[in-house]
Amino acid sequence: MASEDAGNKVGWFLLGAGLGAILALLFAPKSGRELREEIADTTRRSLDKASEGYQTAKERALELADKGRETASDLIEQTKTGVGKQKDRLSAALDAGKSAYREERERAVASQED
């Protein structure tokens, strides 16, 4: 989201800069041929800069997406490990409870027989 906003801002800035440069050229005292060549050069440079900015934003967005996926995978793995440990503890507690119940029941039966 943030990288899209930054990309949009950069795009609008470059568009404004290009339009400003073209307007400056139009009001400069030059011949038609010189003016057309300068407009073409300025347009090419502006498009090159816009392309570079787009590529940079795209690469950064991909890096952030990869980092987010890695972080999510790590969190999922940590959660699975934690759940597994809790499951083992719960199973041990249930087994201990069952054993204690059996022992008490055996004592109760033994004391009734005496």
N, C-alpha and C. Protein backbone atom coordinates (compact mmCIF):
# COMPACT_ATOMS: atom_id res chain seq x y z
N MET A 1 0.81 -1.19 0.00
CA MET A 1 0.00 0.00 0.00
C MET A 1 0.85 1.26 0.00
N ALA A 2 1.81 1.33 0.93
CA ALA A 2 2.64 2.52 1.05
C ALA A 2 3.51 2.69 -0.18
N SER A 3 4.00 1.56 -0.73
CA SER A 3 4.84 1.68 -1.91
C SER A 3 4.03 2.14 -3.12
N GLU A 4 2.74 1.77 -3.17
CA GLU A 4 1.89 2.26 -4.26
C GLU A 4 1.70 3.76 -4.15
N ASP A 5 1.49 4.26 -2.92
CA ASP A 5 1.35 5.70 -2.71
C ASP A 5 2.62 6.43 -3.11
N ALA A 6 3.76 5.89 -2.73
CA ALA A 6 5.04 6.52 -3.08
C ALA A 6 5.23 6.50 -4.59
N GLY A 7 4.87 5.38 -5.23
CA GLY A 7 4.98 5.30 -6.68
C GLY A 7 4.08 6.30 -7.37
N ASN A 8 2.87 6.46 -6.86
CA ASN A 8 1.94 7.44 -7.43
C ASN A 8 2.47 8.86 -7.28
N LYS A 9 3.02 9.16 -6.11
CA LYS A 9 3.55 10.50 -5.88
C LYS A 9 4.72 10.79 -6.80
N VAL A 10 5.59 9.79 -6.96
CA VAL A 10 6.74 9.97 -7.86
C VAL A 10 6.26 10.16 -9.28
N GLY A 11 5.28 9.38 -9.69
CA GLY A 11 4.73 9.50 -11.04
C GLY A 11 4.14 10.87 -11.30
N TRP A 12 3.37 11.36 -10.35
CA TRP A 12 2.77 12.69 -10.51
C TRP A 12 3.83 13.78 -10.52
N PHE A 13 4.85 13.61 -9.68
CA PHE A 13 5.93 14.59 -9.66
C PHE A 13 6.65 14.63 -11.01
N LEU A 14 6.97 13.45 -11.54
CA LEU A 14 7.66 13.41 -12.83
C LEU A 14 6.80 13.98 -13.95
N LEU A 15 5.51 13.70 -13.91
CA LEU A 15 4.60 14.26 -14.92
C LEU A 15 4.59 15.78 -14.83
N GLY A 16 4.50 16.31 -13.64
CA GLY A 16 4.51 17.76 -13.44
C GLY A 16 5.83 18.38 -13.89
N ALA A 17 6.94 17.70 -13.57
CA ALA A 17 8.24 18.21 -13.98
C ALA A 17 8.36 18.22 -15.50
N GLY A 18 7.87 17.15 -16.13
CA GLY A 18 7.92 17.08 -17.59
C GLY A 18 7.07 18.17 -18.24
N LEU A 19 5.87 18.36 -17.72
CA LEU A 19 5.00 19.41 -18.26
C LEU A 19 5.61 20.80 -18.06
N GLY A 20 6.21 21.00 -16.90
CA GLY A 20 6.86 22.28 -16.64
C GLY A 20 8.01 22.53 -17.59
N ALA A 21 8.78 21.48 -17.86
CA ALA A 21 9.90 21.62 -18.80
C ALA A 21 9.40 21.93 -20.21
N ILE A 22 8.34 21.26 -20.61
CA ILE A 22 7.78 21.50 -21.95
C ILE A 22 7.25 22.94 -22.06
N LEU A 23 6.56 23.40 -21.03
CA LEU A 23 6.06 24.78 -21.05
C LEU A 23 7.21 25.78 -21.10
N ALA A 24 8.28 25.49 -20.36
CA ALA A 24 9.44 26.39 -20.39
C ALA A 24 10.04 26.44 -21.78
N LEU A 25 10.06 25.29 -22.44
CA LEU A 25 10.61 25.25 -23.80
C LEU A 25 9.73 26.00 -24.79
N LEU A 26 8.44 25.88 -24.59
CA LEU A 26 7.52 26.55 -25.51
C LEU A 26 7.64 28.07 -25.45
N PHE A 27 7.95 28.59 -24.29
CA PHE A 27 8.07 30.03 -24.14
C PHE A 27 9.50 30.55 -24.36
N ALA A 28 10.43 29.63 -24.62
CA ALA A 28 11.81 30.04 -24.88
C ALA A 28 11.94 30.49 -26.33
N PRO A 29 12.72 31.49 -26.61
CA PRO A 29 12.88 31.97 -27.99
C PRO A 29 13.81 31.07 -28.78
N LYS A 30 13.23 30.08 -29.49
CA LYS A 30 14.02 29.16 -30.32
C LYS A 30 13.27 28.92 -31.61
N SER A 31 14.01 28.36 -32.58
CA SER A 31 13.37 28.02 -33.84
C SER A 31 12.50 26.78 -33.65
N GLY A 32 11.62 26.53 -34.60
CA GLY A 32 10.73 25.38 -34.51
C GLY A 32 11.46 24.06 -34.42
N ARG A 33 12.48 23.88 -35.26
CA ARG A 33 13.26 22.64 -35.25
C ARG A 33 13.97 22.44 -33.91
N GLU A 34 14.64 23.48 -33.42
CA GLU A 34 15.33 23.39 -32.13
C GLU A 34 14.35 23.08 -31.01
N LEU A 35 13.21 23.71 -31.05
CA LEU A 35 12.19 23.50 -30.02
C LEU A 35 11.69 22.06 -30.04
N ARG A 36 11.39 21.54 -31.24
CA ARG A 36 10.91 20.16 -31.35
C ARG A 36 11.97 19.17 -30.85
N GLU A 37 13.22 19.40 -31.21
CA GLU A 37 14.30 18.50 -30.76
C GLU A 37 14.44 18.54 -29.24
N GLU A 38 14.37 19.74 -28.70
CA GLU A 38 14.50 19.87 -27.24
C GLU A 38 13.32 19.23 -26.52
N ILE A 39 12.14 19.40 -27.07
CA ILE A 39 10.95 18.75 -26.47
C ILE A 39 11.10 17.23 -26.53
N ALA A 40 11.56 16.71 -27.66
CA ALA A 40 11.74 15.27 -27.81
C ALA A 40 12.79 14.75 -26.82
N ASP A 41 13.90 15.48 -26.69
CA ASP A 41 14.95 15.07 -25.74
C ASP A 41 14.45 15.09 -24.31
N THR A 42 13.75 16.16 -23.96
CA THR A 42 13.22 16.28 -22.60
C THR A 42 12.21 15.18 -22.32
N THR A 43 11.38 14.88 -23.30
CA THR A 43 10.39 13.81 -23.14
C THR A 43 11.08 12.47 -22.94
N ARG A 44 12.11 12.18 -23.75
CA ARG A 44 12.84 10.92 -23.60
C ARG A 44 13.49 10.82 -22.21
N ARG A 45 14.13 11.89 -21.77
CA ARG A 45 14.77 11.87 -20.45
C ARG A 45 13.73 11.67 -19.34
N SER A 46 12.60 12.33 -19.48
CA SER A 46 11.54 12.20 -18.47
C SER A 46 11.00 10.78 -18.43
N LEU A 47 10.81 10.19 -19.60
CA LEU A 47 10.32 8.81 -19.65
C LEU A 47 11.34 7.85 -19.07
N ASP A 48 12.62 8.08 -19.33
CA ASP A 48 13.67 7.24 -18.76
C ASP A 48 13.67 7.33 -17.23
N LYS A 49 13.56 8.54 -16.70
CA LYS A 49 13.53 8.72 -15.25
C LYS A 49 12.30 8.07 -14.65
N ALA A 50 11.16 8.22 -15.32
CA ALA A 50 9.92 7.60 -14.82
C ALA A 50 10.05 6.08 -14.81
N SER A 51 10.65 5.53 -15.85
CA SER A 51 10.86 4.09 -15.92
C SER A 51 11.77 3.60 -14.80
N GLU A 52 12.84 4.37 -14.55
CA GLU A 52 13.75 4.01 -13.46
C GLU A 52 13.02 4.04 -12.12
N GLY A 53 12.23 5.08 -11.90
CA GLY A 53 11.47 5.19 -10.65
C GLY A 53 10.49 4.06 -10.49
N TYR A 54 9.85 3.68 -11.59
CA TYR A 54 8.90 2.57 -11.54
C TYR A 54 9.62 1.28 -11.19
N GLN A 55 10.77 1.04 -11.82
CA GLN A 55 11.53 -0.18 -11.55
C GLN A 55 11.98 -0.23 -10.09
N THR A 56 12.45 0.89 -9.58
CA THR A 56 12.89 0.95 -8.19
C THR A 56 11.73 0.65 -7.24
N ALA A 57 10.58 1.26 -7.49
CA ALA A 57 9.41 1.03 -6.65
C ALA A 57 8.95 -0.43 -6.74
N LYS A 58 8.99 -0.98 -7.95
CA LYS A 58 8.58 -2.38 -8.15
C LYS A 58 9.51 -3.33 -7.39
N GLU A 59 10.82 -3.10 -7.49
CA GLU A 59 11.78 -3.95 -6.79
C GLU A 59 11.59 -3.86 -5.28
N ARG A 60 11.37 -2.65 -4.78
CA ARG A 60 11.17 -2.47 -3.34
C ARG A 60 9.90 -3.17 -2.88
N ALA A 61 8.85 -3.07 -3.67
CA ALA A 61 7.58 -3.74 -3.32
C ALA A 61 7.77 -5.26 -3.27
N LEU A 62 8.51 -5.79 -4.24
CA LEU A 62 8.77 -7.24 -4.25
C LEU A 62 9.60 -7.66 -3.05
N GLU A 63 10.59 -6.84 -2.68
CA GLU A 63 11.40 -7.15 -1.49
C GLU A 63 10.54 -7.16 -0.24
N LEU A 64 9.67 -6.16 -0.12
CA LEU A 64 8.79 -6.10 1.06
C LEU A 64 7.83 -7.28 1.10
N ALA A 65 7.31 -7.67 -0.05
CA ALA A 65 6.40 -8.82 -0.10
C ALA A 65 7.13 -10.10 0.32
N ASP A 66 8.35 -10.28 -0.18
CA ASP A 66 9.14 -11.46 0.20
C ASP A 66 9.42 -11.47 1.70
N LYS A 67 9.80 -10.32 2.23
CA LYS A 67 10.08 -10.22 3.66
C LYS A 67 8.82 -10.52 4.48
N GLY A 68 7.68 -10.04 4.01
CA GLY A 68 6.41 -10.31 4.70
C GLY A 68 6.08 -11.80 4.69
N ARG A 69 6.30 -12.45 3.54
CA ARG A 69 6.06 -13.90 3.46
C ARG A 69 6.98 -14.66 4.41
N GLU A 70 8.25 -14.27 4.47
CA GLU A 70 9.19 -14.93 5.37
C GLU A 70 8.77 -14.77 6.82
N THR A 71 8.38 -13.55 7.18
CA THR A 71 7.96 -13.28 8.55
C THR A 71 6.72 -14.10 8.89
N ALA A 72 5.78 -14.16 7.97
CA ALA A 72 4.55 -14.93 8.21
C ALA A 72 4.88 -16.41 8.38
N SER A 73 5.78 -16.93 7.54
CA SER A 73 6.18 -18.34 7.64
C SER A 73 6.84 -18.62 8.99
N ASP A 74 7.71 -17.70 9.43
CA ASP A 74 8.37 -17.87 10.72
C ASP A 74 7.35 -17.88 11.85
N LEU A 75 6.39 -16.96 11.79
CA LEU A 75 5.37 -16.90 12.84
C LEU A 75 4.51 -18.15 12.86
N ILE A 76 4.17 -18.65 11.68
CA ILE A 76 3.37 -19.88 11.61
C ILE A 76 4.15 -21.04 12.20
N GLU A 77 5.43 -21.14 11.88
CA GLU A 77 6.26 -22.23 12.41
C GLU A 77 6.38 -22.13 13.92
N GLN A 78 6.59 -20.91 14.44
CA GLN A 78 6.67 -20.73 15.88
C GLN A 78 5.36 -21.11 16.56
N THR A 79 4.26 -20.75 15.94
CA THR A 79 2.95 -21.09 16.50
C THR A 79 2.74 -22.60 16.52
N LYS A 80 3.11 -23.26 15.42
CA LYS A 80 2.98 -24.73 15.37
C LYS A 80 3.82 -25.38 16.46
N THR A 81 5.04 -24.88 16.64
CA THR A 81 5.92 -25.43 17.67
C THR A 81 5.31 -25.22 19.05
N GLY A 82 4.81 -24.02 19.31
CA GLY A 82 4.19 -23.73 20.60
C GLY A 82 2.96 -24.58 20.86
N VAL A 83 2.14 -24.76 19.83
CA VAL A 83 0.94 -25.59 19.97
C VAL A 83 1.34 -27.04 20.23
N GLY A 84 2.37 -27.50 19.54
CA GLY A 84 2.85 -28.88 19.75
C GLY A 84 3.32 -29.09 21.18
N LYS A 85 4.06 -28.11 21.73
CA LYS A 85 4.54 -28.22 23.11
C LYS A 85 3.37 -28.23 24.08
N GLN A 86 2.40 -27.36 23.85
CA GLN A 86 1.22 -27.32 24.73
C GLN A 86 0.44 -28.63 24.66
N LYS A 87 0.37 -29.19 23.45
CA LYS A 87 -0.33 -30.47 23.28
C LYS A 87 0.37 -31.57 24.08
N ASP A 88 1.70 -31.58 23.99
CA ASP A 88 2.47 -32.59 24.74
C ASP A 88 2.27 -32.42 26.24
N ARG A 89 2.28 -31.17 26.72
CA ARG A 89 2.08 -30.91 28.15
C ARG A 89 0.69 -31.35 28.60
N LEU A 90 -0.31 -31.06 27.76
CA LEU A 90 -1.68 -31.44 28.09
C LEU A 90 -1.83 -32.96 28.12
N SER A 91 -1.22 -33.63 27.16
CA SER A 91 -1.28 -35.09 27.14
C SER A 91 -0.61 -35.68 28.38
N ALA A 92 0.53 -35.12 28.76
CA ALA A 92 1.23 -35.60 29.96
C ALA A 92 0.38 -35.37 31.20
N ALA A 93 -0.26 -34.22 31.28
CA ALA A 93 -1.11 -33.92 32.44
C ALA A 93 -2.31 -34.87 32.48
N LEU A 94 -2.91 -35.13 31.32
CA LEU A 94 -4.05 -36.07 31.30
C LEU A 94 -3.61 -37.47 31.70
N ASP A 95 -2.45 -37.91 31.20
CA ASP A 95 -1.94 -39.24 31.58
C ASP A 95 -1.67 -39.30 33.08
N ALA A 96 -1.09 -38.23 33.63
CA ALA A 96 -0.83 -38.19 35.07
C ALA A 96 -2.14 -38.23 35.85
N GLY A 97 -3.13 -37.51 35.36
CA GLY A 97 -4.43 -37.51 36.02
C GLY A 97 -5.09 -38.88 35.99
N LYS A 98 -4.99 -39.56 34.84
CA LYS A 98 -5.56 -40.91 34.72
C LYS A 98 -4.86 -41.87 35.68
N SER A 99 -3.53 -41.77 35.74
CA SER A 99 -2.76 -42.65 36.63
C SER A 99 -3.14 -42.40 38.09
N ALA A 100 -3.24 -41.14 38.44
CA ALA A 100 -3.61 -40.80 39.83
C ALA A 100 -5.00 -41.32 40.14
N TYR A 101 -5.94 -41.21 39.20
CA TYR A 101 -7.30 -41.70 39.40
C TYR A 101 -7.29 -43.21 39.61
N ARG A 102 -6.54 -43.93 38.78
CA ARG A 102 -6.47 -45.39 38.91
C ARG A 102 -5.89 -45.80 40.25
N GLU A 103 -4.81 -45.12 40.66
CA GLU A 103 -4.19 -45.44 41.94
C GLU A 103 -5.16 -45.21 43.09
N GLU A 104 -5.88 -44.09 43.04
CA GLU A 104 -6.85 -43.79 44.11
C GLU A 104 -7.97 -44.81 44.11
N ARG A 105 -8.42 -45.18 42.94
CA ARG A 105 -9.49 -46.18 42.85
C ARG A 105 -9.03 -47.52 43.40
N GLU A 106 -7.80 -47.89 43.08
CA GLU A 106 -7.27 -49.16 43.60
C GLU A 106 -7.15 -49.12 45.12
N ARG A 107 -6.69 -47.96 45.66
CA ARG A 107 -6.61 -47.81 47.12
C ARG A 107 -7.98 -47.90 47.77
N ALA A 108 -8.95 -47.26 47.13
CA ALA A 108 -10.32 -47.27 47.67
C ALA A 108 -10.88 -48.70 47.66
N VAL A 109 -10.63 -49.42 46.59
CA VAL A 109 -11.12 -50.80 46.52
C VAL A 109 -10.39 -51.64 47.55
N ALA A 110 -9.09 -51.43 47.69
CA ALA A 110 -8.31 -52.22 48.65
C ALA A 110 -8.75 -51.92 50.07
N SER A 111 -9.06 -50.67 50.38
CA SER A 111 -9.47 -50.32 51.74
C SER A 111 -10.86 -50.85 52.03
N GLN A 112 -11.72 -51.02 51.04
CA GLN A 112 -13.06 -51.58 51.25
C GLN A 112 -12.97 -53.08 51.50
N GLU A 113 -11.98 -53.72 50.92
CA GLU A 113 -11.82 -55.16 51.10
C GLU A 113 -11.27 -55.47 52.48
N ASP A 114 -10.56 -54.54 53.09
CA ASP A 114 -9.98 -54.79 54.41
C ASP A 114 -11.00 -54.70 55.47
